[in-house]
Amino acid sequence: MIMNNLKGECYALVQAVVCARDIFCRAPGCCNLATAAHHLYKRDRMATAFNPRYVIGLCNDCHSWAHAEPDEFREWVISWMGADEYEYGHQLSLTVARHVDFEAIRDNLKQELKKYKKS
């Protein structure tokens, strides 16, 4: 049970970090506040799930678009971040994380969030 609580805390922290980092929705043509953190690769893939590099801030409407039109969204992400970076993240997301230290992840995300809160 403790592990699930830590994992949930890590998901909440990565959302807070990404929304604090991006401030505004990153979707094309949108200027709403970022209120949702969208994982570019499946959220259950531990190799990228808590790496803010592979999570972007979106508003709720654009987050719905990302889930409703995944192919269109993926094409936009590739054009935005570049095919090589997207493929690198994709390959990383496919690696198996045999041991996930949620305490260390939580602590790192808290430190990163502090950087954005000071700005």
PDB file of N, CA and C in Angstrom:
ATOM      1  N   MET A   1       0.819  -1.203   0.000  1.00  0.00           N
ATOM      2  CA  MET A   1       0.000   0.000   0.000  1.00  0.00           C
ATOM      3  C   MET A   1       0.859   1.263   0.000  1.00  0.00           C
ATOM      4  N   ILE A   2       1.950   1.248   0.748  1.00  0.00           N
ATOM      5  CA  ILE A   2       2.829   2.414   0.791  1.00  0.00           C
ATOM      6  C   ILE A   2       3.370   2.714  -0.599  1.00  0.00           C
ATOM      7  N   MET A   3       3.747   1.661  -1.370  1.00  0.00           N
ATOM      8  CA  MET A   3       4.282   1.861  -2.713  1.00  0.00           C
ATOM      9  C   MET A   3       3.260   2.574  -3.590  1.00  0.00           C
ATOM     10  N   ASN A   4       1.984   2.162  -3.541  1.00  0.00           N
ATOM     11  CA  ASN A   4       0.961   2.808  -4.356  1.00  0.00           C
ATOM     12  C   ASN A   4       0.783   4.267  -3.979  1.00  0.00           C
ATOM     13  N   ASN A   5       0.867   4.579  -2.687  1.00  0.00           N
ATOM     14  CA  ASN A   5       0.765   5.973  -2.267  1.00  0.00           C
ATOM     15  C   ASN A   5       1.929   6.785  -2.802  1.00  0.00           C
ATOM     16  N   LEU A   6       3.141   6.228  -2.748  1.00  0.00           N
ATOM     17  CA  LEU A   6       4.316   6.921  -3.278  1.00  0.00           C
ATOM     18  C   LEU A   6       4.203   7.104  -4.783  1.00  0.00           C
ATOM     19  N   LYS A   7       3.761   6.081  -5.452  1.00  0.00           N
ATOM     20  CA  LYS A   7       3.594   6.162  -6.905  1.00  0.00           C
ATOM     21  C   LYS A   7       2.573   7.238  -7.259  1.00  0.00           C
ATOM     22  N   GLY A   8       1.465   7.268  -6.558  1.00  0.00           N
ATOM     23  CA  GLY A   8       0.450   8.298  -6.787  1.00  0.00           C
ATOM     24  C   GLY A   8       0.985   9.685  -6.510  1.00  0.00           C
ATOM     25  N   GLU A   9       1.786   9.797  -5.464  1.00  0.00           N
ATOM     26  CA  GLU A   9       2.398  11.092  -5.147  1.00  0.00           C
ATOM     27  C   GLU A   9       3.350  11.521  -6.264  1.00  0.00           C
ATOM     28  N   CYS A  10       4.063  10.570  -6.831  1.00  0.00           N
ATOM     29  CA  CYS A  10       4.969  10.888  -7.937  1.00  0.00           C
ATOM     30  C   CYS A  10       4.200  11.361  -9.166  1.00  0.00           C
ATOM     31  N   TYR A  11       3.067  10.709  -9.463  1.00  0.00           N
ATOM     32  CA  TYR A  11       2.241  11.167 -10.588  1.00  0.00           C
ATOM     33  C   TYR A  11       1.730  12.587 -10.342  1.00  0.00           C
ATOM     34  N   ALA A  12       1.303  12.873  -9.127  1.00  0.00           N
ATOM     35  CA  ALA A  12       0.823  14.221  -8.800  1.00  0.00           C
ATOM     36  C   ALA A  12       1.956  15.236  -8.908  1.00  0.00           C
ATOM     37  N   LEU A  13       3.134  14.856  -8.471  1.00  0.00           N
ATOM     38  CA  LEU A  13       4.273  15.772  -8.524  1.00  0.00           C
ATOM     39  C   LEU A  13       4.724  16.045  -9.951  1.00  0.00           C
ATOM     40  N   VAL A  14       4.745  15.022 -10.800  1.00  0.00           N
ATOM     41  CA  VAL A  14       5.151  15.271 -12.182  1.00  0.00           C
ATOM     42  C   VAL A  14       4.146  16.202 -12.849  1.00  0.00           C
ATOM     43  N   GLN A  15       2.873  16.070 -12.504  1.00  0.00           N
ATOM     44  CA  GLN A  15       1.864  16.995 -13.039  1.00  0.00           C
ATOM     45  C   GLN A  15       2.145  18.420 -12.563  1.00  0.00           C
ATOM     46  N   ALA A  16       2.429  18.574 -11.278  1.00  0.00           N
ATOM     47  CA  ALA A  16       2.703  19.907 -10.728  1.00  0.00           C
ATOM     48  C   ALA A  16       3.944  20.514 -11.370  1.00  0.00           C
ATOM     49  N   VAL A  17       4.983  19.708 -11.556  1.00  0.00           N
ATOM     50  CA  VAL A  17       6.225  20.198 -12.171  1.00  0.00           C
ATOM     51  C   VAL A  17       5.960  20.667 -13.594  1.00  0.00           C
ATOM     52  N   VAL A  18       5.279  19.853 -14.371  1.00  0.00           N
ATOM     53  CA  VAL A  18       5.054  20.171 -15.781  1.00  0.00           C
ATOM     54  C   VAL A  18       4.162  21.404 -15.940  1.00  0.00           C
ATOM     55  N   CYS A  19       3.112  21.504 -15.146  1.00  0.00           N
ATOM     56  CA  CYS A  19       2.232  22.678 -15.246  1.00  0.00           C
ATOM     57  C   CYS A  19       2.952  23.945 -14.778  1.00  0.00           C
ATOM     58  N   ALA A  20       3.815  23.825 -13.768  1.00  0.00           N
ATOM     59  CA  ALA A  20       4.594  24.983 -13.309  1.00  0.00           C
ATOM     60  C   ALA A  20       5.652  25.368 -14.344  1.00  0.00           C
ATOM     61  N   ARG A  21       6.232  24.380 -14.995  1.00  0.00           N
ATOM     62  CA  ARG A  21       7.262  24.631 -16.010  1.00  0.00           C
ATOM     63  C   ARG A  21       6.660  25.278 -17.253  1.00  0.00           C
ATOM     64  N   ASP A  22       5.580  24.691 -17.765  1.00  0.00           N
ATOM     65  CA  ASP A  22       5.028  25.144 -19.035  1.00  0.00           C
ATOM     66  C   ASP A  22       4.142  26.377 -18.899  1.00  0.00           C
ATOM     67  N   ILE A  23       3.490  26.533 -17.804  1.00  0.00           N
ATOM     68  CA  ILE A  23       2.562  27.624 -17.494  1.00  0.00           C
ATOM     69  C   ILE A  23       1.370  27.648 -18.452  1.00  0.00           C
ATOM     70  N   PHE A  24       1.640  27.737 -19.746  1.00  0.00           N
ATOM     71  CA  PHE A  24       0.568  27.781 -20.739  1.00  0.00           C
ATOM     72  C   PHE A  24       0.531  26.474 -21.529  1.00  0.00           C
ATOM     73  N   CYS A  25      -0.643  26.144 -22.008  1.00  0.00           N
ATOM     74  CA  CYS A  25      -0.855  24.957 -22.822  1.00  0.00           C
ATOM     75  C   CYS A  25       0.094  24.978 -24.019  1.00  0.00           C
ATOM     76  N   ARG A  26       0.718  23.855 -24.280  1.00  0.00           N
ATOM     77  CA  ARG A  26       1.678  23.769 -25.387  1.00  0.00           C
ATOM     78  C   ARG A  26       1.039  23.366 -26.704  1.00  0.00           C
ATOM     79  N   ALA A  27      -0.237  23.076 -26.707  1.00  0.00           N
ATOM     80  CA  ALA A  27      -0.898  22.664 -27.949  1.00  0.00           C
ATOM     81  C   ALA A  27      -0.865  23.813 -28.953  1.00  0.00           C
ATOM     82  N   PRO A  28      -0.835  23.481 -30.230  1.00  0.00           N
ATOM     83  CA  PRO A  28      -0.738  24.528 -31.255  1.00  0.00           C
ATOM     84  C   PRO A  28      -1.925  25.479 -31.224  1.00  0.00           C
ATOM     85  N   GLY A  29      -1.617  26.757 -31.164  1.00  0.00           N
ATOM     86  CA  GLY A  29      -2.636  27.800 -31.212  1.00  0.00           C
ATOM     87  C   GLY A  29      -3.390  28.038 -29.921  1.00  0.00           C
ATOM     88  N   CYS A  30      -3.040  27.355 -28.848  1.00  0.00           N
ATOM     89  CA  CYS A  30      -3.742  27.519 -27.579  1.00  0.00           C
ATOM     90  C   CYS A  30      -2.931  28.411 -26.652  1.00  0.00           C
ATOM     91  N   CYS A  31      -3.628  29.236 -25.886  1.00  0.00           N
ATOM     92  CA  CYS A  31      -2.927  30.093 -24.923  1.00  0.00           C
ATOM     93  C   CYS A  31      -3.573  30.017 -23.533  1.00  0.00           C
ATOM     94  N   ASN A  32      -4.315  28.936 -23.282  1.00  0.00           N
ATOM     95  CA  ASN A  32      -4.894  28.720 -21.956  1.00  0.00           C
ATOM     96  C   ASN A  32      -3.801  28.266 -20.987  1.00  0.00           C
ATOM     97  N   LEU A  33      -4.100  28.359 -19.711  1.00  0.00           N
ATOM     98  CA  LEU A  33      -3.165  27.862 -18.708  1.00  0.00           C
ATOM     99  C   LEU A  33      -3.046  26.347 -18.803  1.00  0.00           C
ATOM    100  N   ALA A  34      -1.848  25.841 -18.563  1.00  0.00           N
ATOM    101  CA  ALA A  34      -1.632  24.390 -18.513  1.00  0.00           C
ATOM    102  C   ALA A  34      -2.190  23.882 -17.190  1.00  0.00           C
ATOM    103  N   THR A  35      -3.155  22.993 -17.271  1.00  0.00           N
ATOM    104  CA  THR A  35      -3.783  22.447 -16.071  1.00  0.00           C
ATOM    105  C   THR A  35      -3.693  20.929 -16.020  1.00  0.00           C
ATOM    106  N   ALA A  36      -3.189  20.328 -17.086  1.00  0.00           N
ATOM    107  CA  ALA A  36      -3.065  18.868 -17.159  1.00  0.00           C
ATOM    108  C   ALA A  36      -1.683  18.524 -17.686  1.00  0.00           C
ATOM    109  N   ALA A  37      -1.109  17.484 -17.137  1.00  0.00           N
ATOM    110  CA  ALA A  37       0.181  16.986 -17.617  1.00  0.00           C
ATOM    111  C   ALA A  37      -0.081  15.756 -18.476  1.00  0.00           C
ATOM    112  N   HIS A  38       0.278  15.840 -19.743  1.00  0.00           N
ATOM    113  CA  HIS A  38       0.029  14.735 -20.668  1.00  0.00           C
ATOM    114  C   HIS A  38       1.320  13.976 -20.934  1.00  0.00           C
ATOM    115  N   HIS A  39       1.298  12.676 -20.645  1.00  0.00           N
ATOM    116  CA  HIS A  39       2.449  11.822 -20.905  1.00  0.00           C
ATOM    117  C   HIS A  39       2.529  11.541 -22.406  1.00  0.00           C
ATOM    118  N   LEU A  40       3.692  11.778 -22.988  1.00  0.00           N
ATOM    119  CA  LEU A  40       3.854  11.558 -24.419  1.00  0.00           C
ATOM    120  C   LEU A  40       3.884  10.077 -24.763  1.00  0.00           C
ATOM    121  N   TYR A  41       4.256   9.262 -23.804  1.00  0.00           N
ATOM    122  CA  TYR A  41       4.260   7.811 -23.956  1.00  0.00           C
ATOM    123  C   TYR A  41       3.362   7.256 -22.868  1.00  0.00           C
ATOM    124  N   LYS A  42       2.973   6.027 -22.973  1.00  0.00           N
ATOM    125  CA  LYS A  42       2.025   5.474 -22.007  1.00  0.00           C
ATOM    126  C   LYS A  42       2.473   5.739 -20.580  1.00  0.00           C
ATOM    127  N   ARG A  43       1.537   6.172 -19.779  1.00  0.00           N
ATOM    128  CA  ARG A  43       1.795   6.584 -18.405  1.00  0.00           C
ATOM    129  C   ARG A  43       2.328   5.457 -17.527  1.00  0.00           C
ATOM    130  N   ASP A  44       2.023   4.221 -17.868  1.00  0.00           N
ATOM    131  CA  ASP A  44       2.469   3.104 -17.047  1.00  0.00           C
ATOM    132  C   ASP A  44       3.892   2.644 -17.377  1.00  0.00           C
ATOM    133  N   ARG A  45       4.540   3.320 -18.296  1.00  0.00           N
ATOM    134  CA  ARG A  45       5.921   2.970 -18.649  1.00  0.00           C
ATOM    135  C   ARG A  45       6.869   3.726 -17.720  1.00  0.00           C
ATOM    136  N   MET A  46       7.375   3.005 -16.751  1.00  0.00           N
ATOM    137  CA  MET A  46       8.133   3.614 -15.659  1.00  0.00           C
ATOM    138  C   MET A  46       9.407   4.318 -16.101  1.00  0.00           C
ATOM    139  N   ALA A  47       9.974   3.940 -17.243  1.00  0.00           N
ATOM    140  CA  ALA A  47      11.214   4.572 -17.696  1.00  0.00           C
ATOM    141  C   ALA A  47      11.007   6.039 -18.082  1.00  0.00           C
ATOM    142  N   THR A  48       9.778   6.413 -18.441  1.00  0.00           N
ATOM    143  CA  THR A  48       9.515   7.805 -18.835  1.00  0.00           C
ATOM    144  C   THR A  48       8.388   8.460 -18.044  1.00  0.00           C
ATOM    145  N   ALA A  49       7.668   7.705 -17.251  1.00  0.00           N
ATOM    146  CA  ALA A  49       6.464   8.217 -16.580  1.00  0.00           C
ATOM    147  C   ALA A  49       6.723   9.438 -15.702  1.00  0.00           C
ATOM    148  N   PHE A  50       7.872   9.486 -15.050  1.00  0.00           N
ATOM    149  CA  PHE A  50       8.136  10.567 -14.102  1.00  0.00           C
ATOM    150  C   PHE A  50       9.240  11.496 -14.574  1.00  0.00           C
ATOM    151  N   ASN A  51       9.555  11.438 -15.859  1.00  0.00           N
ATOM    152  CA  ASN A  51      10.562  12.319 -16.445  1.00  0.00           C
ATOM    153  C   ASN A  51       9.827  13.466 -17.133  1.00  0.00           C
ATOM    154  N   PRO A  52       9.893  14.665 -16.559  1.00  0.00           N
ATOM    155  CA  PRO A  52       9.161  15.795 -17.139  1.00  0.00           C
ATOM    156  C   PRO A  52       9.515  16.092 -18.593  1.00  0.00           C
ATOM    157  N   ARG A  53      10.659  15.591 -19.043  1.00  0.00           N
ATOM    158  CA  ARG A  53      11.053  15.773 -20.438  1.00  0.00           C
ATOM    159  C   ARG A  53      10.031  15.134 -21.377  1.00  0.00           C
ATOM    160  N   TYR A  54       9.349  14.101 -20.904  1.00  0.00           N
ATOM    161  CA  TYR A  54       8.405  13.356 -21.735  1.00  0.00           C
ATOM    162  C   TYR A  54       6.962  13.542 -21.300  1.00  0.00           C
ATOM    163  N   VAL A  55       6.693  14.678 -20.677  1.00  0.00           N
ATOM    164  CA  VAL A  55       5.348  15.045 -20.246  1.00  0.00           C
ATOM    165  C   VAL A  55       5.185  16.520 -20.593  1.00  0.00           C
ATOM    166  N   ILE A  56       4.042  16.885 -21.160  1.00  0.00           N
ATOM    167  CA  ILE A  56       3.841  18.302 -21.501  1.00  0.00           C
ATOM    168  C   ILE A  56       2.564  18.834 -20.866  1.00  0.00           C
ATOM    169  N   GLY A  57       2.586  20.127 -20.628  1.00  0.00           N
ATOM    170  CA  GLY A  57       1.433  20.799 -20.048  1.00  0.00           C
ATOM    171  C   GLY A  57       0.408  21.149 -21.109  1.00  0.00           C
ATOM    172  N   LEU A  58      -0.822  20.806 -20.839  1.00  0.00           N
ATOM    173  CA  LEU A  58      -1.934  21.119 -21.730  1.00  0.00           C
ATOM    174  C   LEU A  58      -3.083  21.662 -20.889  1.00  0.00           C
ATOM    175  N   CYS A  59      -3.975  22.397 -21.520  1.00  0.00           N
ATOM    176  CA  CYS A  59      -5.218  22.764 -20.846  1.00  0.00           C
ATOM    177  C   CYS A  59      -6.140  21.542 -20.916  1.00  0.00           C
ATOM    178  N   ASN A  60      -7.233  21.577 -20.208  1.00  0.00           N
ATOM    179  CA  ASN A  60      -8.137  20.415 -20.197  1.00  0.00           C
ATOM    180  C   ASN A  60      -8.710  20.103 -21.577  1.00  0.00           C
ATOM    181  N   ASP A  61      -9.062  21.144 -22.337  1.00  0.00           N
ATOM    182  CA  ASP A  61      -9.620  20.909 -23.672  1.00  0.00           C
ATOM    183  C   ASP A  61      -8.605  20.241 -24.594  1.00  0.00           C
ATOM    184  N   CYS A  62      -7.376  20.728 -24.579  1.00  0.00           N
ATOM    185  CA  CYS A  62      -6.340  20.161 -25.445  1.00  0.00           C
ATOM    186  C   CYS A  62      -5.914  18.776 -24.955  1.00  0.00           C
ATOM    187  N   HIS A  63      -5.992  18.548 -23.654  1.00  0.00           N
ATOM    188  CA  HIS A  63      -5.712  17.222 -23.132  1.00  0.00           C
ATOM    189  C   HIS A  63      -6.762  16.231 -23.652  1.00  0.00           C
ATOM    190  N   SER A  64      -8.008  16.672 -23.715  1.00  0.00           N
ATOM    191  CA  SER A  64      -9.066  15.830 -24.293  1.00  0.00           C
ATOM    192  C   SER A  64      -8.777  15.561 -25.765  1.00  0.00           C
ATOM    193  N   TRP A  65      -8.324  16.592 -26.491  1.00  0.00           N
ATOM    194  CA  TRP A  65      -7.951  16.431 -27.909  1.00  0.00           C
ATOM    195  C   TRP A  65      -6.843  15.380 -28.053  1.00  0.00           C
ATOM    196  N   ALA A  66      -5.835  15.443 -27.184  1.00  0.00           N
ATOM    197  CA  ALA A  66      -4.706  14.508 -27.260  1.00  0.00           C
ATOM    198  C   ALA A  66      -5.182  13.066 -27.124  1.00  0.00           C
ATOM    199  N   HIS A  67      -6.173  12.843 -26.282  1.00  0.00           N
ATOM    200  CA  HIS A  67      -6.695  11.489 -26.096  1.00  0.00           C
ATOM    201  C   HIS A  67      -7.708  11.107 -27.182  1.00  0.00           C
ATOM    202  N   ALA A  68      -8.466  12.071 -27.674  1.00  0.00           N
ATOM    203  CA  ALA A  68      -9.484  11.784 -28.690  1.00  0.00           C
ATOM    204  C   ALA A  68      -8.869  11.591 -30.078  1.00  0.00           C
ATOM    205  N   GLU A  69      -7.768  12.281 -30.340  1.00  0.00           N
ATOM    206  CA  GLU A  69      -7.111  12.236 -31.657  1.00  0.00           C
ATOM    207  C   GLU A  69      -5.625  11.893 -31.484  1.00  0.00           C
ATOM    208  N   PRO A  70      -5.327  10.690 -30.995  1.00  0.00           N
ATOM    209  CA  PRO A  70      -3.929  10.367 -30.670  1.00  0.00           C
ATOM    210  C   PRO A  70      -2.972  10.415 -31.862  1.00  0.00           C
ATOM    211  N   ASP A  71      -3.428  10.026 -33.037  1.00  0.00           N
ATOM    212  CA  ASP A  71      -2.538  10.060 -34.208  1.00  0.00           C
ATOM    213  C   ASP A  71      -2.207  11.501 -34.595  1.00  0.00           C
ATOM    214  N   GLU A  72      -3.222  12.344 -34.613  1.00  0.00           N
ATOM    215  CA  GLU A  72      -3.011  13.763 -34.926  1.00  0.00           C
ATOM    216  C   GLU A  72      -2.098  14.403 -33.882  1.00  0.00           C
ATOM    217  N   PHE A  73      -2.354  14.094 -32.621  1.00  0.00           N
ATOM    218  CA  PHE A  73      -1.537  14.649 -31.544  1.00  0.00           C
ATOM    219  C   PHE A  73      -0.090  14.173 -31.671  1.00  0.00           C
ATOM    220  N   ARG A  74       0.114  12.888 -31.939  1.00  0.00           N
ATOM    221  CA  ARG A  74       1.465  12.338 -32.087  1.00  0.00           C
ATOM    222  C   ARG A  74       2.206  13.026 -33.227  1.00  0.00           C
ATOM    223  N   GLU A  75       1.519  13.252 -34.340  1.00  0.00           N
ATOM    224  CA  GLU A  75       2.155  13.948 -35.471  1.00  0.00           C
ATOM    225  C   GLU A  75       2.586  15.358 -35.065  1.00  0.00           C
ATOM    226  N   TRP A  76       1.736  16.050 -34.320  1.00  0.00           N
ATOM    227  CA  TRP A  76       2.115  17.377 -33.855  1.00  0.00           C
ATOM    228  C   TRP A  76       3.318  17.307 -32.915  1.00  0.00           C
ATOM    229  N   VAL A  77       3.315  16.349 -31.988  1.00  0.00           N
ATOM    230  CA  VAL A  77       4.432  16.205 -31.048  1.00  0.00           C
ATOM    231  C   VAL A  77       5.727  15.959 -31.809  1.00  0.00           C
ATOM    232  N   ILE A  78       5.706  15.095 -32.796  1.00  0.00           N
ATOM    233  CA  ILE A  78       6.905  14.801 -33.582  1.00  0.00           C
ATOM    234  C   ILE A  78       7.397  16.056 -34.292  1.00  0.00           C
ATOM    235  N   SER A  79       6.486  16.840 -34.855  1.00  0.00           N
ATOM    236  CA  SER A  79       6.900  18.078 -35.531  1.00  0.00           C
ATOM    237  C   SER A  79       7.431  19.100 -34.527  1.00  0.00           C
ATOM    238  N   TRP A  80       6.902  19.072 -33.315  1.00  0.00           N
ATOM    239  CA  TRP A  80       7.303  20.020 -32.269  1.00  0.00           C
ATOM    240  C   TRP A  80       8.655  19.654 -31.660  1.00  0.00           C
ATOM    241  N   MET A  81       8.854  18.380 -31.314  1.00  0.00           N
ATOM    242  CA  MET A  81      10.083  17.987 -30.617  1.00  0.00           C
ATOM    243  C   MET A  81      11.133  17.377 -31.535  1.00  0.00           C
ATOM    244  N   GLY A  82      10.758  17.030 -32.742  1.00  0.00           N
ATOM    245  CA  GLY A  82      11.687  16.408 -33.678  1.00  0.00           C
ATOM    246  C   GLY A  82      11.573  14.892 -33.633  1.00  0.00           C
ATOM    247  N   ALA A  83      11.723  14.284 -34.798  1.00  0.00           N
ATOM    248  CA  ALA A  83      11.555  12.845 -34.920  1.00  0.00           C
ATOM    249  C   ALA A  83      12.594  12.069 -34.117  1.00  0.00           C
ATOM    250  N   ASP A  84      13.839  12.543 -34.105  1.00  0.00           N
ATOM    251  CA  ASP A  84      14.884  11.821 -33.379  1.00  0.00           C
ATOM    252  C   ASP A  84      14.626  11.812 -31.881  1.00  0.00           C
ATOM    253  N   GLU A  85      14.255  12.960 -31.340  1.00  0.00           N
ATOM    254  CA  GLU A  85      13.973  13.040 -29.897  1.00  0.00           C
ATOM    255  C   GLU A  85      12.743  12.213 -29.551  1.00  0.00           C
ATOM    256  N   TYR A  86      11.726  12.263 -30.400  1.00  0.00           N
ATOM    257  CA  TYR A  86      10.523  11.475 -30.148  1.00  0.00           C
ATOM    258  C   TYR A  86      10.862   9.979 -30.143  1.00  0.00           C
ATOM    259  N   GLU A  87      11.638   9.555 -31.122  1.00  0.00           N
ATOM    260  CA  GLU A  87      12.001   8.136 -31.217  1.00  0.00           C
ATOM    261  C   GLU A  87      12.874   7.719 -30.033  1.00  0.00           C
ATOM    262  N   TYR A  88      13.782   8.578 -29.616  1.00  0.00           N
ATOM    263  CA  TYR A  88      14.618   8.276 -28.451  1.00  0.00           C
ATOM    264  C   TYR A  88      13.725   8.054 -27.219  1.00  0.00           C
ATOM    265  N   GLY A  89      12.790   8.957 -26.976  1.00  0.00           N
ATOM    266  CA  GLY A  89      11.866   8.820 -25.852  1.00  0.00           C
ATOM    267  C   GLY A  89      11.012   7.573 -25.966  1.00  0.00           C
ATOM    268  N   HIS A  90      10.585   7.283 -27.188  1.00  0.00           N
ATOM    269  CA  HIS A  90       9.771   6.082 -27.402  1.00  0.00           C
ATOM    270  C   HIS A  90      10.558   4.828 -27.043  1.00  0.00           C
ATOM    271  N   GLN A  91      11.799   4.739 -27.527  1.00  0.00           N
ATOM    272  CA  GLN A  91      12.632   3.575 -27.214  1.00  0.00           C
ATOM    273  C   GLN A  91      12.900   3.484 -25.714  1.00  0.00           C
ATOM    274  N   LEU A  92      13.161   4.628 -25.090  1.00  0.00           N
ATOM    275  CA  LEU A  92      13.370   4.644 -23.640  1.00  0.00           C
ATOM    276  C   LEU A  92      12.125   4.143 -22.918  1.00  0.00           C
ATOM    277  N   SER A  93      10.964   4.559 -23.383  1.00  0.00           N
ATOM    278  CA  SER A  93       9.709   4.157 -22.732  1.00  0.00           C
ATOM    279  C   SER A  93       9.479   2.653 -22.798  1.00  0.00           C
ATOM    280  N   LEU A  94      10.094   1.991 -23.757  1.00  0.00           N
ATOM    281  CA  LEU A  94       9.927   0.552 -23.921  1.00  0.00           C
ATOM    282  C   LEU A  94      10.858  -0.262 -23.027  1.00  0.00           C
ATOM    283  N   THR A  95      11.830   0.399 -22.403  1.00  0.00           N
ATOM    284  CA  THR A  95      12.740  -0.335 -21.525  1.00  0.00           C
ATOM    285  C   THR A  95      12.006  -0.721 -20.247  1.00  0.00           C
ATOM    286  N   VAL A  96      12.405  -1.823 -19.694  1.00  0.00           N
ATOM    287  CA  VAL A  96      11.769  -2.328 -18.485  1.00  0.00           C
ATOM    288  C   VAL A  96      12.531  -1.810 -17.273  1.00  0.00           C
ATOM    289  N   ALA A  97      11.817  -1.139 -16.410  1.00  0.00           N
ATOM    290  CA  ALA A  97      12.408  -0.657 -15.160  1.00  0.00           C
ATOM    291  C   ALA A  97      12.194  -1.752 -14.119  1.00  0.00           C
ATOM    292  N   ARG A  98      13.262  -2.440 -13.781  1.00  0.00           N
ATOM    293  CA  ARG A  98      13.152  -3.575 -12.853  1.00  0.00           C
ATOM    294  C   ARG A  98      12.964  -3.124 -11.408  1.00  0.00           C
ATOM    295  N   HIS A  99      13.559  -2.023 -11.062  1.00  0.00           N
ATOM    296  CA  HIS A  99      13.411  -1.494  -9.706  1.00  0.00           C
ATOM    297  C   HIS A  99      13.133  -0.005  -9.817  1.00  0.00           C
ATOM    298  N   VAL A 100      12.017   0.414  -9.294  1.00  0.00           N
ATOM    299  CA  VAL A 100      11.657   1.827  -9.334  1.00  0.00           C
ATOM    300  C   VAL A 100      11.695   2.350  -7.906  1.00  0.00           C
ATOM    301  N   ASP A 101      12.555   3.311  -7.681  1.00  0.00           N
ATOM    302  CA  ASP A 101      12.707   3.907  -6.350  1.00  0.00           C
ATOM    303  C   ASP A 101      11.802   5.138  -6.271  1.00  0.00           C
ATOM    304  N   PHE A 102      10.547   4.918  -5.872  1.00  0.00           N
ATOM    305  CA  PHE A 102       9.575   5.999  -5.843  1.00  0.00           C
ATOM    306  C   PHE A 102       9.954   7.089  -4.837  1.00  0.00           C
ATOM    307  N   GLU A 103      10.641   6.732  -3.788  1.00  0.00           N
ATOM    308  CA  GLU A 103      11.082   7.753  -2.824  1.00  0.00           C
ATOM    309  C   GLU A 103      12.067   8.704  -3.476  1.00  0.00           C
ATOM    310  N   ALA A 104      13.036   8.165  -4.212  1.00  0.00           N
ATOM    311  CA  ALA A 104      14.021   9.010  -4.899  1.00  0.00           C
ATOM    312  C   ALA A 104      13.347   9.854  -5.980  1.00  0.00           C
ATOM    313  N   ILE A 105      12.428   9.245  -6.723  1.00  0.00           N
ATOM    314  CA  ILE A 105      11.697   9.981  -7.760  1.00  0.00           C
ATOM    315  C   ILE A 105      10.921  11.129  -7.121  1.00  0.00           C
ATOM    316  N   ARG A 106      10.223  10.832  -6.028  1.00  0.00           N
ATOM    317  CA  ARG A 106       9.451  11.860  -5.318  1.00  0.00           C
ATOM    318  C   ARG A 106      10.358  13.003  -4.872  1.00  0.00           C
ATOM    319  N   ASP A 107      11.482  12.658  -4.280  1.00  0.00           N
ATOM    320  CA  ASP A 107      12.397  13.686  -3.788  1.00  0.00           C
ATOM    321  C   ASP A 107      12.952  14.540  -4.926  1.00  0.00           C
ATOM    322  N   ASN A 108      13.301  13.908  -6.047  1.00  0.00           N
ATOM    323  CA  ASN A 108      13.807  14.660  -7.206  1.00  0.00           C
ATOM    324  C   ASN A 108      12.736  15.582  -7.783  1.00  0.00           C
ATOM    325  N   LEU A 109      11.513  15.085  -7.873  1.00  0.00           N
ATOM    326  CA  LEU A 109      10.432  15.919  -8.407  1.00  0.00           C
ATOM    327  C   LEU A 109      10.123  17.083  -7.471  1.00  0.00           C
ATOM    328  N   LYS A 110      10.198  16.861  -6.168  1.00  0.00           N
ATOM    329  CA  LYS A 110       9.985  17.960  -5.219  1.00  0.00           C
ATOM    330  C   LYS A 110      11.041  19.034  -5.403  1.00  0.00           C
ATOM    331  N   GLN A 111      12.290  18.629  -5.608  1.00  0.00           N
ATOM    332  CA  GLN A 111      13.362  19.597  -5.828  1.00  0.00           C
ATOM    333  C   GLN A 111      13.141  20.367  -7.129  1.00  0.00           C
ATOM    334  N   GLU A 112      12.734  19.670  -8.158  1.00  0.00           N
ATOM    335  CA  GLU A 112      12.477  20.339  -9.432  1.00  0.00           C
ATOM    336  C   GLU A 112      11.313  21.319  -9.305  1.00  0.00           C
ATOM    337  N   LEU A 113      10.275  20.925  -8.578  1.00  0.00           N
ATOM    338  CA  LEU A 113       9.135  21.816  -8.394  1.00  0.00           C
ATOM    339  C   LEU A 113       9.555  23.081  -7.648  1.00  0.00           C
ATOM    340  N   LYS A 114      10.429  22.950  -6.682  1.00  0.00           N
ATOM    341  CA  LYS A 114      10.916  24.123  -5.944  1.00  0.00           C
ATOM    342  C   LYS A 114      11.569  25.127  -6.880  1.00  0.00           C
ATOM    343  N   LYS A 115      12.307  24.645  -7.873  1.00  0.00           N
ATOM    344  CA  LYS A 115      12.962  25.550  -8.839  1.00  0.00           C
ATOM    345  C   LYS A 115      11.935  26.392  -9.575  1.00  0.00           C
ATOM    346  N   TYR A 116      10.817  25.780  -9.957  1.00  0.00           N
ATOM    347  CA  TYR A 116       9.797  26.509 -10.709  1.00  0.00           C
ATOM    348  C   TYR A 116       8.987  27.428  -9.804  1.00  0.00           C
ATOM    349  N   LYS A 117       8.814  27.047  -8.573  1.00  0.00           N
ATOM    350  CA  LYS A 117       8.044  27.867  -7.634  1.00  0.00           C
ATOM    351  C   LYS A 117       8.801  29.133  -7.266  1.00  0.00           C
ATOM    352  N   LYS A 118      10.152  29.091  -7.322  1.00  0.00           N
ATOM    353  CA  LYS A 118      10.985  30.272  -7.004  1.00  0.00           C
ATOM    354  C   LYS A 118      10.952  31.278  -8.131  1.00  0.00           C
ATOM    355  N   SER A 119      10.740  30.802  -9.361  1.00  0.00           N
ATOM    356  CA  SER A 119      10.764  31.681 -10.548  1.00  0.00           C
ATOM    357  C   SER A 119       9.635  32.670 -10.556  1.00  0.00           C
TER     358      SER A 119
END
